[in-house]
C-alpha cells in the first residue's frame, strides 16, 4: 500500500536523515516537505512546499498524507529569546500537527528531548513537555514521541558546545547504566531510522521512545 509522508524540519540534523530515508523507501511513494525556503535536493517523489511556518493554520491545499514526521527544533541561543524558542518548538509543531490532520494523516511522529515535562522548572524541558501534551490531545490514531538525549551527527551549522561535547559524551556513555542509560548520546541517523521504522508498524495510541527504544527500533 503506497503512503505519503509529510516532513517538517527536513533541513535539520534528524530531519535531513528522515528525508533521505523516506526518499529511498519504496513504502513511501510521495514525500511532502514544509519549510521556509527550498531545500537543495530534487527527487521524483519529493514535493516541496515553501510556507510561512507561522501561518500553518491557513494552509489548506496539502495533498492527502498518511504520516507526519516533525523534526522541528531550535535552541534558545539560536532563536534569540524564550518567546522565539516557544514559537518554533511549540507553535510551529502544533501548527504542523493540525495541518497533518486536515490532510488526513493518522500518525504523528515527533522529536522532542529527554527530560520533556510540562511541569519542569527548566524552560526548555517545560516547552518540550507542553508540546508533547498538546500533540497527544489531537485526534491522531498514533503519536510516537522520540526523546533523544545528546544528539550526535554532522550539522550544517557547527555549534561550539556540541563540538566540544561529543568527545566527552562518547567517553561518558559507557558509564551511564541503569536508569541513566536514557541519557546516553545517540546518533541523529539512528533517531531517523527509528522514526521511519516505527512509522511502518501498526501501532496505535501514544508512545514515548527513549535511548534503548530508539536503538532497538533503529537496528531491528
Protein backbone atom coordinates (compact mmCIF):
# COMPACT_ATOMS: atom_id res chain seq x y z
CA UNK A 1 0.00 0.00 0.00
CA UNK A 2 1.50 3.33 -1.04
CA UNK A 3 1.94 6.01 1.58
CA UNK A 4 2.59 9.73 1.63
CA UNK A 5 4.77 11.33 4.27
CA UNK A 6 4.75 14.95 5.40
CA UNK A 7 8.08 16.15 6.81
CA UNK A 8 8.73 19.33 8.80
CA UNK A 9 12.27 20.20 9.78
CA UNK A 10 13.93 18.40 6.87
CA UNK A 11 16.80 20.88 6.84
CA UNK A 12 17.81 19.91 10.37
CA UNK A 13 20.04 17.18 11.74
CA UNK A 14 17.40 14.47 12.33
CA UNK A 15 15.01 15.73 9.66
CA UNK A 16 17.64 15.54 6.95
CA UNK A 17 18.22 11.87 7.69
CA UNK A 18 14.47 11.24 7.82
CA UNK A 19 14.01 12.82 4.39
CA UNK A 20 16.77 10.77 2.79
CA UNK A 21 15.41 7.54 4.28
CA UNK A 22 11.88 8.26 3.09
CA UNK A 23 13.04 9.09 -0.43
CA UNK A 24 14.88 5.76 -0.58
CA UNK A 25 11.99 3.74 0.89
CA UNK A 26 9.58 2.18 -1.60
CA UNK A 27 6.85 2.08 1.06
CA UNK A 28 6.53 5.85 0.65
CA UNK A 29 5.56 6.89 -2.87
CA UNK A 30 5.29 10.59 -2.11
CA UNK A 31 7.14 12.85 0.33
CA UNK A 32 5.98 16.41 1.01
CA UNK A 33 8.18 18.84 2.93
CA UNK A 34 7.16 22.02 4.74
CA UNK A 35 9.89 24.64 5.01
CA UNK A 36 10.50 28.37 4.93
CA UNK A 37 12.87 28.05 1.97
CA UNK A 38 13.55 25.44 -0.73
CA UNK A 39 15.86 22.54 0.06
CA UNK A 40 18.83 21.88 -2.20
CA UNK A 41 17.56 18.47 -3.24
CA UNK A 42 15.42 17.20 -6.10
CA UNK A 43 13.72 13.85 -6.35
CA UNK A 44 10.87 12.46 -8.42
CA UNK A 45 8.59 11.72 -5.48
CA UNK A 46 9.55 14.83 -3.50
CA UNK A 47 7.17 17.79 -3.34
CA UNK A 48 8.49 20.86 -1.58
CA UNK A 49 6.09 23.35 -0.03
CA UNK A 50 7.63 26.70 0.89
CA UNK A 51 5.35 28.10 3.58
CA UNK A 52 5.08 30.63 6.37
CA UNK A 53 5.53 28.40 9.40
CA UNK A 54 3.68 30.92 11.50
CA UNK A 55 0.57 30.68 9.32
CA UNK A 56 0.11 26.92 9.06
CA UNK A 57 -3.48 27.08 10.26
CA UNK A 58 -4.31 28.77 6.95
CA UNK A 59 -2.65 26.00 4.92
CA UNK A 60 -5.47 24.12 3.24
CA UNK A 61 -4.12 22.74 -0.05
CA UNK A 62 -1.91 19.88 1.11
CA UNK A 63 -2.34 16.52 -0.64
CA UNK A 64 -3.58 13.57 1.37
CA UNK A 65 -0.85 12.37 3.74
CA UNK A 66 -0.60 9.31 5.96
CA UNK A 67 2.31 10.00 8.29
CA UNK A 68 3.70 13.27 9.66
CA UNK A 69 7.36 13.43 10.69
CA UNK A 70 8.01 16.53 12.78
CA UNK A 71 11.69 17.24 13.44
CA UNK A 72 11.39 20.96 14.15
CA UNK A 73 13.53 22.37 16.90
CA UNK A 74 15.93 25.14 17.80
CA UNK A 75 17.87 26.42 20.80
CA UNK A 76 17.19 29.49 22.88
CA UNK A 77 20.56 30.87 21.78
CA UNK A 78 19.75 30.40 18.10
CA UNK A 79 16.17 31.64 18.48
CA UNK A 80 17.32 34.71 20.39
CA UNK A 81 14.74 34.65 23.15
CA UNK A 82 12.43 32.36 25.08
CA UNK A 83 9.46 33.72 23.14
CA UNK A 84 11.11 32.96 19.80
CA UNK A 85 12.07 29.48 21.02
CA UNK A 86 8.47 28.82 22.07
CA UNK A 87 7.25 29.90 18.65
CA UNK A 88 9.41 27.29 16.88
CA UNK A 89 9.25 24.41 19.35
CA UNK A 90 5.61 24.79 20.32
CA UNK A 91 3.59 26.95 17.92
CA UNK A 92 5.15 25.61 14.72
CA UNK A 93 4.97 22.00 15.90
CA UNK A 94 1.31 22.25 16.84
CA UNK A 95 0.65 24.02 13.53
CA UNK A 96 2.25 21.14 11.62
CA UNK A 97 0.23 18.62 13.62
CA UNK A 98 -3.04 20.39 12.83
CA UNK A 99 -2.12 20.71 9.15
CA UNK A 100 -1.40 16.99 9.05
CA UNK A 101 -4.80 16.17 10.48
CA UNK A 102 -6.53 18.34 7.89
CA UNK A 103 -4.61 16.42 5.21
CA UNK A 104 -5.88 13.10 6.54
CA UNK A 105 -2.83 11.91 8.48
CA UNK A 106 -3.39 9.25 11.13
CA UNK A 107 0.15 9.08 12.59
CA UNK A 108 2.32 11.83 14.06
CA UNK A 109 5.99 11.21 14.84
CA UNK A 110 7.69 13.91 16.88
CA UNK A 111 11.25 14.52 18.07
CA UNK A 112 11.48 16.26 21.44
CA UNK A 113 14.17 15.70 24.08
CA UNK A 114 14.97 13.69 27.15
CA UNK A 115 13.54 15.33 30.26
CA UNK A 116 10.48 16.77 28.49
CA UNK A 117 7.99 17.61 31.22
CA UNK A 118 5.25 20.26 31.22
CA UNK A 119 5.85 20.73 34.96
CA UNK A 120 9.62 21.19 34.67
CA UNK A 121 11.27 24.26 36.15
CA UNK A 122 13.63 24.28 33.18
CA UNK A 123 12.11 26.35 30.39
CA UNK A 124 13.47 24.17 27.57
CA UNK A 125 12.18 20.94 29.10
CA UNK A 126 8.87 22.54 30.02
CA UNK A 127 8.17 23.67 26.44
CA UNK A 128 9.08 20.22 25.12
CA UNK A 129 6.68 18.66 27.62
CA UNK A 130 3.93 21.14 26.79
CA UNK A 131 4.14 20.43 23.07
CA UNK A 132 4.08 16.68 23.70
CA UNK A 133 0.89 17.13 25.71
CA UNK A 134 -0.69 19.34 23.04
CA UNK A 135 0.03 16.84 20.28
CA UNK A 136 -1.28 13.92 22.32
CA UNK A 137 -4.58 15.72 22.72
CA UNK A 138 -5.10 15.87 18.95
CA UNK A 139 -7.18 13.05 17.37
CA UNK A 140 -4.36 11.08 15.75
CA UNK A 141 -4.66 7.31 15.79
CA UNK A 142 -1.00 7.06 16.78
CA UNK A 143 1.50 9.52 18.23
CA UNK A 144 5.11 8.43 18.64
CA UNK A 145 7.38 10.74 20.60
CA UNK A 146 11.15 10.31 20.33
CA UNK A 147 13.21 11.70 23.20
CA UNK A 148 16.92 11.59 22.41
CA UNK A 149 19.49 12.97 24.79
CA UNK A 150 22.70 14.39 23.30
CA UNK A 151 22.40 14.19 19.50
CA UNK A 152 25.49 13.31 17.50
CA UNK A 153 25.96 13.98 13.80
CA UNK A 154 27.28 16.48 11.30
CA UNK A 155 25.35 19.72 11.45
CA UNK A 156 25.48 22.33 8.73
CA UNK A 157 25.79 24.94 11.47
CA UNK A 158 28.55 23.84 13.82
CA UNK A 159 27.81 24.51 17.47
CA UNK A 160 30.91 25.00 19.60
CA UNK A 161 29.38 23.43 22.71
CA UNK A 162 28.43 20.34 20.74
CA UNK A 163 31.84 20.04 19.06
CA UNK A 164 33.42 20.07 22.50
CA UNK A 165 30.75 17.85 23.99
CA UNK A 166 30.87 14.95 21.52
CA UNK A 167 34.22 13.51 22.70
CA UNK A 168 33.12 13.86 26.31
CA UNK A 169 29.76 12.23 25.59
CA UNK A 170 31.46 9.26 23.95
CA UNK A 171 33.73 8.78 26.95
CA UNK A 172 30.94 9.09 29.48
CA UNK A 173 28.37 6.97 27.63
CA UNK A 174 29.60 3.56 28.91
CA UNK A 175 29.29 4.87 32.48
CA UNK A 176 25.62 5.69 32.01
CA UNK A 177 23.95 2.47 33.13
CA UNK A 178 20.63 1.51 34.67
CA UNK A 179 18.23 4.49 34.84
CA UNK A 180 20.99 6.71 33.44
CA UNK A 181 21.08 4.86 30.10
CA UNK A 182 18.36 7.16 28.82
CA UNK A 183 20.93 9.99 28.86
CA UNK A 184 23.37 8.24 26.54
CA UNK A 185 24.22 10.17 23.36
CA UNK A 186 22.56 8.91 20.20
CA UNK A 187 23.32 9.45 16.53
CA UNK A 188 20.75 11.51 14.64
CA UNK A 189 20.79 8.85 11.94
CA UNK A 190 19.62 6.26 14.47
CA UNK A 191 16.75 8.50 15.58
CA UNK A 192 15.72 8.92 11.94
CA UNK A 193 15.91 5.18 11.25
CA UNK A 194 13.81 4.51 14.33
CA UNK A 195 11.18 7.02 13.21
CA UNK A 196 10.82 5.56 9.72
CA UNK A 197 10.80 2.01 11.08
CA UNK A 198 8.11 2.79 13.68
CA UNK A 199 6.00 4.61 11.09
CA UNK A 200 5.63 1.37 9.16
CA UNK A 201 4.44 -0.60 12.18
CA UNK A 202 0.75 -0.87 13.01
CA UNK A 203 0.91 0.87 16.37
CA UNK A 204 -1.96 2.75 17.99
CA UNK A 205 -2.21 5.35 20.72
CA UNK A 206 0.61 7.44 22.19
CA UNK A 207 4.06 6.05 22.95
CA UNK A 208 7.37 7.51 24.08
CA UNK A 209 10.72 6.18 22.89
CA UNK A 210 13.96 6.96 24.71
CA UNK A 211 17.51 5.70 24.21
CA UNK A 212 17.02 1.92 24.40
CA UNK A 213 13.78 2.03 22.41
CA UNK A 214 15.34 4.23 19.73
CA UNK A 215 18.38 1.99 19.34
CA UNK A 216 16.25 -1.17 19.25
CA UNK A 217 13.96 0.27 16.55
CA UNK A 218 16.84 1.70 14.52
CA UNK A 219 18.71 -1.60 14.39
CA UNK A 220 15.79 -4.03 14.01
